[in-house]
N, C-alpha and C. Protein backbone atom coordinates (compact mmCIF):
# COMPACT_ATOMS: atom_id res chain seq x y z
N MET A 1 33.27 -61.35 4.76
CA MET A 1 34.39 -61.44 5.64
C MET A 1 34.55 -62.87 6.17
N TYR A 2 35.76 -63.34 6.17
CA TYR A 2 36.00 -64.67 6.74
C TYR A 2 36.12 -64.55 8.25
N TRP A 3 35.58 -65.56 8.96
CA TRP A 3 35.56 -65.45 10.40
C TRP A 3 35.89 -66.82 10.99
N CYS A 4 36.67 -66.78 12.05
CA CYS A 4 37.04 -68.05 12.75
C CYS A 4 36.23 -68.18 14.01
N PHE A 5 35.44 -69.20 14.21
CA PHE A 5 34.66 -69.40 15.39
C PHE A 5 35.56 -69.77 16.56
N ASP A 6 36.68 -70.46 16.28
CA ASP A 6 37.55 -70.90 17.41
C ASP A 6 38.34 -69.75 18.06
N CYS A 7 38.92 -68.87 17.19
CA CYS A 7 39.65 -67.80 17.77
C CYS A 7 38.84 -66.51 17.92
N GLY A 8 37.64 -66.49 17.37
CA GLY A 8 36.75 -65.32 17.55
C GLY A 8 37.25 -64.08 16.84
N SER A 9 37.84 -64.24 15.69
CA SER A 9 38.35 -63.05 14.95
C SER A 9 38.19 -63.26 13.46
N SER A 10 38.32 -62.14 12.75
CA SER A 10 38.24 -62.19 11.31
C SER A 10 39.56 -62.78 10.74
N LEU A 11 39.48 -63.24 9.50
CA LEU A 11 40.67 -63.83 8.84
C LEU A 11 40.87 -63.20 7.52
N ALA A 12 42.14 -63.07 7.14
CA ALA A 12 42.53 -62.64 5.78
C ALA A 12 42.38 -63.86 4.91
N GLU A 13 42.16 -63.61 3.60
CA GLU A 13 41.96 -64.78 2.69
C GLU A 13 43.15 -65.71 2.69
N PHE A 14 44.36 -65.17 2.80
CA PHE A 14 45.58 -66.03 2.77
C PHE A 14 45.70 -66.89 3.99
N GLU A 15 44.89 -66.62 5.07
CA GLU A 15 44.98 -67.41 6.26
C GLU A 15 44.04 -68.59 6.17
N ILE A 16 43.19 -68.68 5.17
CA ILE A 16 42.21 -69.78 5.07
C ILE A 16 42.90 -71.03 4.55
N GLU A 17 42.71 -72.13 5.21
CA GLU A 17 43.18 -73.42 4.77
C GLU A 17 41.97 -74.35 4.57
N TYR A 18 41.87 -74.83 3.34
CA TYR A 18 40.69 -75.67 3.01
C TYR A 18 40.98 -77.15 3.22
N ALA A 19 39.99 -77.85 3.68
CA ALA A 19 40.11 -79.26 3.87
C ALA A 19 38.87 -79.94 3.23
N ASP A 20 39.04 -81.21 2.78
CA ASP A 20 37.93 -81.90 2.22
C ASP A 20 36.87 -82.16 3.36
N LYS A 21 35.67 -81.94 3.02
CA LYS A 21 34.60 -82.20 4.03
C LYS A 21 33.38 -82.77 3.34
N LYS A 22 32.86 -83.85 3.90
CA LYS A 22 31.63 -84.44 3.39
C LYS A 22 30.45 -83.93 4.15
N SER A 23 29.62 -83.16 3.45
CA SER A 23 28.46 -82.58 4.08
C SER A 23 27.16 -83.39 3.82
N GLN A 24 26.32 -83.43 4.82
CA GLN A 24 24.98 -84.06 4.58
C GLN A 24 24.14 -83.02 3.80
N THR A 25 23.30 -83.60 2.97
CA THR A 25 22.41 -82.74 2.21
C THR A 25 20.94 -82.99 2.65
N ILE A 26 20.11 -81.97 2.55
CA ILE A 26 18.71 -82.14 2.87
C ILE A 26 17.89 -81.43 1.82
N ASP A 27 16.72 -81.99 1.58
CA ASP A 27 15.69 -81.34 0.76
C ASP A 27 14.62 -80.82 1.70
N VAL A 28 14.22 -79.58 1.50
CA VAL A 28 13.26 -78.91 2.37
C VAL A 28 12.14 -78.35 1.61
N ALA A 29 10.88 -78.58 2.04
CA ALA A 29 9.71 -78.08 1.35
C ALA A 29 9.19 -76.85 1.95
N PHE A 30 8.92 -75.85 1.10
CA PHE A 30 8.31 -74.55 1.53
C PHE A 30 6.87 -74.50 1.02
N LYS A 31 5.89 -74.47 1.88
CA LYS A 31 4.50 -74.48 1.41
C LYS A 31 4.06 -73.16 0.84
N ALA A 32 3.31 -73.30 -0.26
CA ALA A 32 2.84 -72.10 -0.91
C ALA A 32 1.85 -71.35 -0.02
N HIS A 33 2.00 -70.04 0.08
CA HIS A 33 1.16 -69.24 0.96
C HIS A 33 -0.19 -69.00 0.30
N GLU A 34 -0.21 -68.82 -0.98
CA GLU A 34 -1.47 -68.65 -1.74
C GLU A 34 -1.39 -69.62 -2.98
N ARG A 35 -1.91 -70.79 -2.73
CA ARG A 35 -1.78 -71.86 -3.76
C ARG A 35 -2.43 -71.46 -5.10
N GLU A 36 -3.53 -70.70 -5.04
CA GLU A 36 -4.24 -70.36 -6.28
C GLU A 36 -3.33 -69.54 -7.18
N LYS A 37 -2.46 -68.71 -6.64
CA LYS A 37 -1.49 -67.90 -7.39
C LYS A 37 -0.49 -68.78 -8.10
N VAL A 38 -0.12 -69.83 -7.41
CA VAL A 38 0.85 -70.78 -7.94
C VAL A 38 0.26 -71.52 -9.15
N LEU A 39 -0.97 -72.02 -8.94
CA LEU A 39 -1.70 -72.71 -10.02
C LEU A 39 -1.86 -71.83 -11.21
N LYS A 40 -2.17 -70.58 -11.00
CA LYS A 40 -2.36 -69.63 -12.09
C LYS A 40 -1.05 -69.42 -12.85
N ALA A 41 0.05 -69.32 -12.09
CA ALA A 41 1.33 -69.09 -12.72
C ALA A 41 1.73 -70.29 -13.62
N PHE A 42 1.33 -71.49 -13.22
CA PHE A 42 1.59 -72.68 -14.01
C PHE A 42 0.53 -72.91 -15.08
N GLY A 43 -0.55 -72.08 -15.06
CA GLY A 43 -1.62 -72.26 -16.05
C GLY A 43 -2.39 -73.54 -15.93
N THR A 44 -2.52 -74.06 -14.69
CA THR A 44 -3.19 -75.29 -14.44
C THR A 44 -4.57 -75.16 -13.89
N ASP A 45 -5.33 -76.22 -13.94
CA ASP A 45 -6.73 -76.28 -13.49
C ASP A 45 -6.79 -76.02 -12.01
N HIS A 46 -7.59 -75.06 -11.61
CA HIS A 46 -7.69 -74.67 -10.18
C HIS A 46 -8.44 -75.68 -9.35
N THR A 47 -8.91 -76.73 -9.95
CA THR A 47 -9.61 -77.78 -9.18
C THR A 47 -8.61 -78.85 -8.66
N ILE A 48 -7.35 -78.64 -9.02
CA ILE A 48 -6.35 -79.60 -8.55
C ILE A 48 -6.19 -79.47 -7.07
N LEU A 49 -6.22 -80.57 -6.29
CA LEU A 49 -6.18 -80.59 -4.85
C LEU A 49 -4.76 -80.85 -4.33
N GLY A 50 -4.53 -80.49 -3.12
CA GLY A 50 -3.25 -80.77 -2.40
C GLY A 50 -2.46 -79.51 -2.21
N ASP A 51 -1.66 -79.54 -1.15
CA ASP A 51 -0.76 -78.48 -0.86
C ASP A 51 0.33 -78.38 -1.88
N ILE A 52 0.87 -77.20 -2.16
CA ILE A 52 1.96 -77.00 -3.12
C ILE A 52 3.18 -76.60 -2.36
N PHE A 53 4.33 -77.21 -2.75
CA PHE A 53 5.59 -76.97 -2.10
C PHE A 53 6.72 -76.64 -3.07
N ALA A 54 7.46 -75.59 -2.78
CA ALA A 54 8.71 -75.34 -3.53
C ALA A 54 9.81 -76.07 -2.71
N VAL A 55 10.50 -76.98 -3.41
CA VAL A 55 11.47 -77.83 -2.71
C VAL A 55 12.90 -77.38 -3.00
N ILE A 56 13.61 -77.09 -1.97
CA ILE A 56 15.02 -76.69 -2.12
C ILE A 56 15.94 -77.85 -1.64
N TRP A 57 17.21 -77.78 -2.07
CA TRP A 57 18.22 -78.76 -1.65
C TRP A 57 19.41 -77.98 -1.19
N THR A 58 19.97 -78.35 -0.05
CA THR A 58 21.10 -77.60 0.49
C THR A 58 22.10 -78.50 1.23
N THR A 59 23.32 -78.11 1.26
CA THR A 59 24.33 -78.81 2.02
C THR A 59 24.59 -78.08 3.35
N THR A 60 23.91 -77.00 3.61
CA THR A 60 24.13 -76.20 4.83
C THR A 60 22.78 -76.05 5.59
N ALA A 61 22.39 -77.16 6.22
CA ALA A 61 21.07 -77.13 6.90
C ALA A 61 21.00 -76.09 7.94
N TRP A 62 22.14 -75.69 8.54
CA TRP A 62 22.08 -74.70 9.65
C TRP A 62 21.67 -73.30 9.16
N THR A 63 21.67 -73.08 7.84
CA THR A 63 21.23 -71.77 7.35
C THR A 63 19.73 -71.69 7.16
N ILE A 64 18.97 -72.81 7.22
CA ILE A 64 17.53 -72.81 6.98
C ILE A 64 16.81 -71.87 7.98
N PRO A 65 17.11 -71.87 9.26
CA PRO A 65 16.35 -70.96 10.18
C PRO A 65 16.47 -69.53 9.77
N ALA A 66 17.54 -69.09 9.07
CA ALA A 66 17.68 -67.69 8.63
C ALA A 66 17.19 -67.45 7.21
N ASN A 67 16.49 -68.43 6.64
CA ASN A 67 16.03 -68.29 5.26
C ASN A 67 15.10 -67.06 5.13
N GLN A 68 15.30 -66.35 3.95
CA GLN A 68 14.46 -65.17 3.69
C GLN A 68 13.93 -65.15 2.23
N ALA A 69 14.34 -66.10 1.42
CA ALA A 69 13.88 -66.13 0.05
C ALA A 69 14.18 -67.45 -0.57
N ILE A 70 13.69 -67.67 -1.80
CA ILE A 70 13.99 -68.83 -2.64
C ILE A 70 14.44 -68.27 -4.00
N ASN A 71 15.51 -68.78 -4.54
CA ASN A 71 15.93 -68.36 -5.89
C ASN A 71 15.71 -69.37 -6.94
N LEU A 72 15.14 -68.88 -8.05
CA LEU A 72 14.96 -69.73 -9.25
C LEU A 72 15.73 -69.04 -10.45
N ASN A 73 16.05 -69.88 -11.39
CA ASN A 73 16.69 -69.30 -12.59
C ASN A 73 15.58 -68.93 -13.56
N PRO A 74 15.54 -67.69 -13.99
CA PRO A 74 14.43 -67.30 -14.90
C PRO A 74 14.36 -68.04 -16.20
N GLU A 75 15.50 -68.64 -16.69
CA GLU A 75 15.56 -69.29 -17.97
C GLU A 75 15.36 -70.82 -17.86
N LEU A 76 15.44 -71.34 -16.68
CA LEU A 76 15.26 -72.81 -16.51
C LEU A 76 13.75 -73.16 -16.54
N GLU A 77 13.43 -74.36 -16.93
CA GLU A 77 12.02 -74.83 -16.88
C GLU A 77 11.76 -75.50 -15.52
N TYR A 78 10.65 -75.18 -14.93
CA TYR A 78 10.29 -75.76 -13.63
C TYR A 78 8.91 -76.43 -13.84
N SER A 79 8.78 -77.57 -13.15
CA SER A 79 7.55 -78.37 -13.26
C SER A 79 6.78 -78.42 -11.96
N LEU A 80 5.48 -78.55 -12.11
CA LEU A 80 4.59 -78.78 -10.97
C LEU A 80 4.31 -80.31 -11.01
N VAL A 81 4.73 -81.02 -10.01
CA VAL A 81 4.71 -82.50 -10.02
C VAL A 81 3.71 -82.96 -8.96
N ASP A 82 2.77 -83.78 -9.37
CA ASP A 82 1.77 -84.32 -8.44
C ASP A 82 2.33 -85.62 -7.86
N THR A 83 2.41 -85.63 -6.52
CA THR A 83 2.90 -86.80 -5.82
C THR A 83 2.00 -87.10 -4.63
N GLU A 84 2.23 -88.25 -3.99
CA GLU A 84 1.41 -88.54 -2.77
C GLU A 84 1.76 -87.68 -1.59
N ARG A 85 2.81 -86.90 -1.68
CA ARG A 85 3.18 -85.97 -0.61
C ARG A 85 2.79 -84.51 -0.91
N GLY A 86 2.03 -84.32 -2.01
CA GLY A 86 1.66 -83.01 -2.41
C GLY A 86 2.17 -82.64 -3.75
N LEU A 87 1.92 -81.39 -4.20
CA LEU A 87 2.38 -80.87 -5.46
C LEU A 87 3.73 -80.22 -5.30
N LEU A 88 4.77 -80.70 -5.98
CA LEU A 88 6.12 -80.19 -5.77
C LEU A 88 6.59 -79.47 -6.94
N ILE A 89 7.26 -78.31 -6.67
CA ILE A 89 7.90 -77.53 -7.73
C ILE A 89 9.36 -77.90 -7.78
N LEU A 90 9.80 -78.38 -8.96
CA LEU A 90 11.16 -78.86 -9.14
C LEU A 90 11.66 -78.45 -10.55
N ALA A 91 12.93 -78.29 -10.71
CA ALA A 91 13.47 -78.09 -12.08
C ALA A 91 13.06 -79.27 -12.93
N ASN A 92 12.59 -79.03 -14.14
CA ASN A 92 12.03 -80.07 -14.94
C ASN A 92 13.04 -81.13 -15.26
N SER A 93 14.34 -80.79 -15.49
CA SER A 93 15.35 -81.71 -15.78
C SER A 93 15.76 -82.63 -14.64
N LEU A 94 15.35 -82.27 -13.40
CA LEU A 94 15.70 -83.01 -12.21
C LEU A 94 14.55 -83.75 -11.57
N VAL A 95 13.42 -83.72 -12.21
CA VAL A 95 12.23 -84.42 -11.68
C VAL A 95 12.46 -85.88 -11.44
N GLU A 96 12.93 -86.58 -12.46
CA GLU A 96 13.16 -88.02 -12.27
C GLU A 96 14.12 -88.32 -11.16
N MET A 97 15.24 -87.60 -11.11
CA MET A 97 16.22 -87.78 -10.09
C MET A 97 15.65 -87.54 -8.70
N CYS A 98 14.83 -86.49 -8.57
CA CYS A 98 14.21 -86.16 -7.28
C CYS A 98 13.22 -87.24 -6.87
N MET A 99 12.40 -87.73 -7.82
CA MET A 99 11.43 -88.76 -7.48
C MET A 99 12.11 -90.00 -6.99
N THR A 100 13.25 -90.30 -7.58
CA THR A 100 14.05 -91.46 -7.10
C THR A 100 14.58 -91.24 -5.70
N ARG A 101 15.10 -90.07 -5.45
CA ARG A 101 15.65 -89.71 -4.11
C ARG A 101 14.59 -89.71 -3.03
N TYR A 102 13.41 -89.25 -3.43
CA TYR A 102 12.28 -89.20 -2.41
C TYR A 102 11.52 -90.51 -2.29
N ALA A 103 11.75 -91.45 -3.25
CA ALA A 103 11.00 -92.68 -3.28
C ALA A 103 9.53 -92.41 -3.49
N LEU A 104 9.23 -91.53 -4.47
CA LEU A 104 7.86 -91.13 -4.76
C LEU A 104 7.57 -91.35 -6.24
N ASP A 105 6.28 -91.53 -6.52
CA ASP A 105 5.89 -91.53 -7.94
C ASP A 105 5.33 -90.12 -8.24
N GLY A 106 5.72 -89.58 -9.36
CA GLY A 106 5.29 -88.23 -9.66
C GLY A 106 4.77 -88.09 -11.09
N LYS A 107 3.81 -87.20 -11.25
CA LYS A 107 3.29 -86.90 -12.58
C LYS A 107 3.43 -85.38 -12.81
N VAL A 108 4.05 -85.06 -13.90
CA VAL A 108 4.27 -83.63 -14.20
C VAL A 108 2.92 -83.12 -14.74
N LEU A 109 2.39 -82.06 -14.09
CA LEU A 109 1.11 -81.44 -14.45
C LEU A 109 1.30 -80.30 -15.39
N ALA A 110 2.40 -79.56 -15.22
CA ALA A 110 2.62 -78.34 -16.03
C ALA A 110 4.06 -77.95 -15.89
N THR A 111 4.59 -77.25 -16.89
CA THR A 111 5.96 -76.78 -16.90
C THR A 111 6.02 -75.40 -17.46
N VAL A 112 6.75 -74.51 -16.69
CA VAL A 112 6.90 -73.13 -17.15
C VAL A 112 8.35 -72.70 -16.88
N LYS A 113 8.75 -71.60 -17.50
CA LYS A 113 10.05 -71.06 -17.21
C LYS A 113 10.00 -70.38 -15.82
N GLY A 114 11.18 -70.31 -15.21
CA GLY A 114 11.25 -69.71 -13.85
C GLY A 114 10.75 -68.30 -13.79
N GLU A 115 10.89 -67.55 -14.89
CA GLU A 115 10.44 -66.17 -14.86
C GLU A 115 8.96 -66.03 -14.55
N ALA A 116 8.18 -67.07 -14.83
CA ALA A 116 6.75 -67.03 -14.60
C ALA A 116 6.41 -67.16 -13.06
N LEU A 117 7.41 -67.57 -12.29
CA LEU A 117 7.15 -67.90 -10.87
C LEU A 117 7.72 -66.82 -9.97
N GLY A 118 8.39 -65.81 -10.50
CA GLY A 118 8.98 -64.79 -9.71
C GLY A 118 7.88 -63.98 -8.84
N GLY A 119 8.21 -63.77 -7.64
CA GLY A 119 7.29 -63.03 -6.76
C GLY A 119 6.29 -63.91 -5.97
N LEU A 120 6.13 -65.15 -6.31
CA LEU A 120 5.27 -65.99 -5.57
C LEU A 120 5.83 -66.16 -4.16
N GLU A 121 4.99 -66.30 -3.13
CA GLU A 121 5.45 -66.39 -1.78
C GLU A 121 5.18 -67.78 -1.14
N PHE A 122 6.16 -68.21 -0.39
CA PHE A 122 6.10 -69.50 0.28
C PHE A 122 6.37 -69.35 1.78
N GLU A 123 5.80 -70.18 2.55
CA GLU A 123 5.97 -70.11 4.02
C GLU A 123 7.28 -70.75 4.48
N HIS A 124 7.94 -70.11 5.42
CA HIS A 124 9.16 -70.71 6.05
C HIS A 124 8.83 -72.14 6.47
N PRO A 125 9.71 -73.12 6.29
CA PRO A 125 9.40 -74.47 6.68
C PRO A 125 8.93 -74.64 8.14
N LEU A 126 9.32 -73.70 9.04
CA LEU A 126 8.93 -73.81 10.43
C LEU A 126 7.78 -72.84 10.71
N TYR A 127 7.05 -72.38 9.73
CA TYR A 127 6.00 -71.39 9.87
C TYR A 127 4.99 -71.86 10.86
N ASP A 128 4.58 -73.13 10.85
CA ASP A 128 3.53 -73.64 11.73
C ASP A 128 4.05 -74.26 12.98
N VAL A 129 5.38 -74.15 13.19
CA VAL A 129 6.02 -74.76 14.43
C VAL A 129 6.21 -73.72 15.48
N ASP A 130 6.62 -72.52 15.11
CA ASP A 130 6.91 -71.46 16.10
C ASP A 130 6.57 -70.11 15.49
N ALA A 131 6.00 -69.26 16.26
CA ALA A 131 5.61 -67.88 15.83
C ALA A 131 6.82 -67.11 15.29
N GLY A 132 7.98 -67.42 15.80
CA GLY A 132 9.19 -66.71 15.34
C GLY A 132 9.55 -66.93 13.91
N TYR A 133 8.92 -67.93 13.26
CA TYR A 133 9.14 -68.27 11.88
C TYR A 133 7.97 -68.00 10.93
N GLN A 134 7.01 -67.31 11.44
CA GLN A 134 5.84 -66.98 10.65
C GLN A 134 6.13 -65.83 9.69
N ARG A 135 6.97 -66.10 8.71
CA ARG A 135 7.38 -65.18 7.70
C ARG A 135 7.32 -65.85 6.37
N LEU A 136 7.31 -65.07 5.31
CA LEU A 136 7.23 -65.61 3.96
C LEU A 136 8.52 -65.47 3.22
N SER A 137 8.77 -66.48 2.34
CA SER A 137 9.98 -66.47 1.53
C SER A 137 9.50 -66.28 0.06
N PRO A 138 9.73 -65.11 -0.47
CA PRO A 138 9.36 -64.87 -1.89
C PRO A 138 10.32 -65.53 -2.86
N ILE A 139 9.89 -65.83 -4.05
CA ILE A 139 10.75 -66.28 -5.11
C ILE A 139 11.42 -65.10 -5.80
N TYR A 140 12.73 -65.11 -5.78
CA TYR A 140 13.53 -64.16 -6.55
C TYR A 140 14.22 -64.90 -7.70
N LEU A 141 14.34 -64.17 -8.77
CA LEU A 141 14.98 -64.78 -9.97
C LEU A 141 16.46 -64.42 -10.00
N ALA A 142 17.27 -65.48 -10.12
CA ALA A 142 18.67 -65.28 -10.05
C ALA A 142 19.38 -66.32 -10.94
N ASP A 143 20.37 -65.87 -11.73
CA ASP A 143 21.08 -66.80 -12.65
C ASP A 143 21.89 -67.84 -11.94
N TYR A 144 22.28 -67.63 -10.67
CA TYR A 144 23.11 -68.59 -10.02
C TYR A 144 22.41 -69.84 -9.58
N ALA A 145 21.08 -69.86 -9.66
CA ALA A 145 20.33 -71.09 -9.45
C ALA A 145 20.45 -71.95 -10.69
N THR A 146 20.93 -73.15 -10.53
CA THR A 146 21.20 -74.03 -11.67
C THR A 146 20.49 -75.39 -11.48
N ALA A 147 20.49 -76.21 -12.50
CA ALA A 147 19.94 -77.53 -12.45
C ALA A 147 20.96 -78.59 -12.58
N THR A 148 22.16 -78.30 -12.07
CA THR A 148 23.22 -79.32 -12.12
C THR A 148 23.06 -80.38 -11.04
N ASP A 149 22.45 -80.06 -9.98
CA ASP A 149 22.10 -81.03 -8.95
C ASP A 149 20.97 -80.52 -8.08
N GLY A 150 20.63 -81.25 -7.03
CA GLY A 150 19.59 -80.81 -6.13
C GLY A 150 18.23 -80.73 -6.77
N THR A 151 17.56 -79.61 -6.68
CA THR A 151 16.19 -79.47 -7.16
C THR A 151 16.04 -78.36 -8.19
N GLY A 152 17.08 -77.52 -8.33
CA GLY A 152 17.01 -76.33 -9.23
C GLY A 152 16.47 -75.16 -8.51
N LEU A 153 16.14 -75.27 -7.23
CA LEU A 153 15.66 -74.14 -6.41
C LEU A 153 16.72 -73.99 -5.29
N VAL A 154 17.10 -72.74 -5.03
CA VAL A 154 18.16 -72.45 -4.04
C VAL A 154 17.54 -71.59 -2.93
N HIS A 155 17.64 -72.09 -1.71
CA HIS A 155 17.12 -71.30 -0.59
C HIS A 155 18.14 -70.21 -0.30
N SER A 156 17.66 -69.08 0.19
CA SER A 156 18.46 -67.89 0.32
C SER A 156 18.46 -67.37 1.77
N SER A 157 19.65 -67.47 2.36
CA SER A 157 19.92 -66.84 3.67
C SER A 157 20.98 -65.78 3.46
N PRO A 158 20.61 -64.53 3.24
CA PRO A 158 21.52 -63.49 2.73
C PRO A 158 22.70 -63.23 3.69
N ALA A 159 22.62 -63.57 4.94
CA ALA A 159 23.73 -63.28 5.85
C ALA A 159 24.87 -64.30 5.62
N TYR A 160 24.62 -65.40 4.92
CA TYR A 160 25.57 -66.46 4.86
C TYR A 160 26.05 -66.87 3.48
N GLY A 161 25.89 -66.01 2.53
CA GLY A 161 26.37 -66.32 1.18
C GLY A 161 26.36 -65.06 0.30
N VAL A 162 27.39 -64.85 -0.44
CA VAL A 162 27.50 -63.66 -1.29
C VAL A 162 26.40 -63.61 -2.32
N ASP A 163 26.16 -64.70 -3.00
CA ASP A 163 25.08 -64.76 -4.00
C ASP A 163 23.71 -64.46 -3.40
N ASP A 164 23.46 -65.07 -2.26
CA ASP A 164 22.22 -64.89 -1.58
C ASP A 164 22.05 -63.41 -1.17
N PHE A 165 23.10 -62.85 -0.62
CA PHE A 165 23.10 -61.44 -0.20
C PHE A 165 22.81 -60.54 -1.37
N ASN A 166 23.54 -60.74 -2.46
CA ASN A 166 23.35 -59.83 -3.59
C ASN A 166 21.95 -59.94 -4.22
N SER A 167 21.41 -61.18 -4.23
CA SER A 167 20.07 -61.37 -4.77
C SER A 167 19.05 -60.69 -3.90
N CYS A 168 19.15 -60.87 -2.62
CA CYS A 168 18.13 -60.25 -1.71
C CYS A 168 18.23 -58.73 -1.76
N ILE A 169 19.44 -58.17 -1.76
CA ILE A 169 19.60 -56.74 -1.84
C ILE A 169 19.01 -56.18 -3.15
N ALA A 170 19.28 -56.88 -4.23
CA ALA A 170 18.81 -56.46 -5.54
C ALA A 170 17.28 -56.51 -5.61
N HIS A 171 16.65 -57.32 -4.82
CA HIS A 171 15.20 -57.43 -4.80
C HIS A 171 14.55 -56.60 -3.69
N GLY A 172 15.32 -55.73 -3.06
CA GLY A 172 14.73 -54.75 -2.15
C GLY A 172 14.83 -55.09 -0.69
N VAL A 173 15.47 -56.15 -0.31
CA VAL A 173 15.65 -56.45 1.10
C VAL A 173 16.60 -55.42 1.70
N ALA A 174 16.18 -54.76 2.80
CA ALA A 174 17.01 -53.78 3.45
C ALA A 174 18.10 -54.40 4.30
N TYR A 175 19.28 -53.79 4.35
CA TYR A 175 20.37 -54.30 5.14
C TYR A 175 19.94 -54.67 6.57
N ASP A 176 19.14 -53.76 7.19
CA ASP A 176 18.73 -53.98 8.58
C ASP A 176 17.77 -55.10 8.76
N ASP A 177 17.19 -55.58 7.63
CA ASP A 177 16.21 -56.69 7.68
C ASP A 177 16.86 -58.07 7.52
N ILE A 178 18.15 -58.09 7.20
CA ILE A 178 18.86 -59.35 7.00
C ILE A 178 19.05 -60.06 8.35
N LEU A 179 18.59 -61.32 8.41
CA LEU A 179 18.71 -62.07 9.61
C LEU A 179 20.12 -62.68 9.76
N ASN A 180 20.71 -62.50 10.97
CA ASN A 180 22.05 -63.02 11.18
C ASN A 180 22.09 -63.59 12.56
N PRO A 181 21.44 -64.77 12.81
CA PRO A 181 21.32 -65.29 14.19
C PRO A 181 22.53 -65.96 14.70
N VAL A 182 23.51 -66.35 13.84
CA VAL A 182 24.69 -67.04 14.33
C VAL A 182 25.74 -66.05 14.87
N GLN A 183 26.10 -66.24 16.11
CA GLN A 183 27.03 -65.33 16.79
C GLN A 183 28.51 -65.68 16.47
N GLY A 184 29.36 -64.79 16.98
CA GLY A 184 30.78 -65.01 16.67
C GLY A 184 31.41 -66.32 17.19
N ASN A 185 30.72 -66.99 18.09
CA ASN A 185 31.23 -68.26 18.63
C ASN A 185 30.67 -69.44 17.86
N GLY A 186 29.86 -69.21 16.83
CA GLY A 186 29.31 -70.32 16.03
C GLY A 186 27.99 -70.81 16.54
N SER A 187 27.39 -70.15 17.52
CA SER A 187 26.12 -70.57 18.09
C SER A 187 25.02 -69.60 17.75
N TYR A 188 23.81 -70.14 17.62
CA TYR A 188 22.65 -69.22 17.46
C TYR A 188 22.49 -68.32 18.68
N ALA A 189 22.00 -67.12 18.47
CA ALA A 189 21.74 -66.21 19.64
C ALA A 189 20.89 -66.88 20.62
N PRO A 190 21.10 -66.64 21.89
CA PRO A 190 20.40 -67.32 22.97
C PRO A 190 18.84 -67.23 22.83
N ASP A 191 18.37 -66.10 22.35
CA ASP A 191 16.91 -65.88 22.22
C ASP A 191 16.37 -66.25 20.88
N PHE A 192 17.15 -66.91 20.04
CA PHE A 192 16.67 -67.26 18.71
C PHE A 192 15.68 -68.47 18.78
N PRO A 193 14.50 -68.36 18.19
CA PRO A 193 13.47 -69.34 18.36
C PRO A 193 13.97 -70.75 18.00
N LEU A 194 13.65 -71.71 18.81
CA LEU A 194 13.88 -73.13 18.66
C LEU A 194 15.37 -73.55 18.77
N PHE A 195 16.28 -72.75 18.28
CA PHE A 195 17.67 -73.19 18.17
C PHE A 195 18.64 -72.31 19.03
N GLY A 196 18.07 -71.44 19.93
CA GLY A 196 18.86 -70.57 20.72
C GLY A 196 19.97 -71.32 21.44
N GLY A 197 21.22 -70.85 21.32
CA GLY A 197 22.33 -71.41 22.02
C GLY A 197 23.00 -72.62 21.37
N GLN A 198 22.32 -73.23 20.39
CA GLN A 198 22.92 -74.37 19.73
C GLN A 198 24.01 -73.96 18.78
N ASN A 199 25.10 -74.78 18.77
CA ASN A 199 26.23 -74.46 17.86
C ASN A 199 26.04 -75.12 16.50
N ILE A 200 26.32 -74.41 15.44
CA ILE A 200 26.08 -74.93 14.09
C ILE A 200 27.10 -75.99 13.71
N GLY A 201 28.21 -76.03 14.39
CA GLY A 201 29.24 -77.04 14.01
C GLY A 201 29.34 -78.20 14.87
N ARG A 202 28.57 -78.24 15.95
CA ARG A 202 28.65 -79.40 16.90
C ARG A 202 27.27 -79.86 17.21
N PRO A 203 27.09 -81.17 17.40
CA PRO A 203 25.76 -81.75 17.74
C PRO A 203 25.33 -81.30 19.11
């Protein structure tokens, strides 16, 4: 359903007027909850040291607090890349581009298809910041995750995207468990951890 924050009402599709908008992008790292399972999925040596992170790229940073999953394409190849900032999971075809964007040197340790990573669990990026975010984001396999840009991994906030919603529901997330902290006025609910009362469209 289309919604207008200014007038506080739903909109019909014909009422929508689109304008060009330049959005800031961010890359966000989700730490592996059980790193040994990730190493096993990649078939790598378990003596490898360092935290492991699934890295997503998004143009809608305001949806990160409501993240509930990470989507990978089952047919794409994903690499485990050793860097000075930890072991990063990235689409294999985007590794070089990502290393340039992050100003890091990276060595690919192993590469597998996305289907091998389904079900692995990662910690919400704010897991260690506030108890309200101590939840896990599982990897769900979805064809809409592509390697055309970003990292090849798509973070999923099912309340704010049709593809995200369909993927989470298909993987067993109950309707009542979908997080929807943004209220009708465009602000996070007052009691929402860390961001309560802040508006997603204004600084």
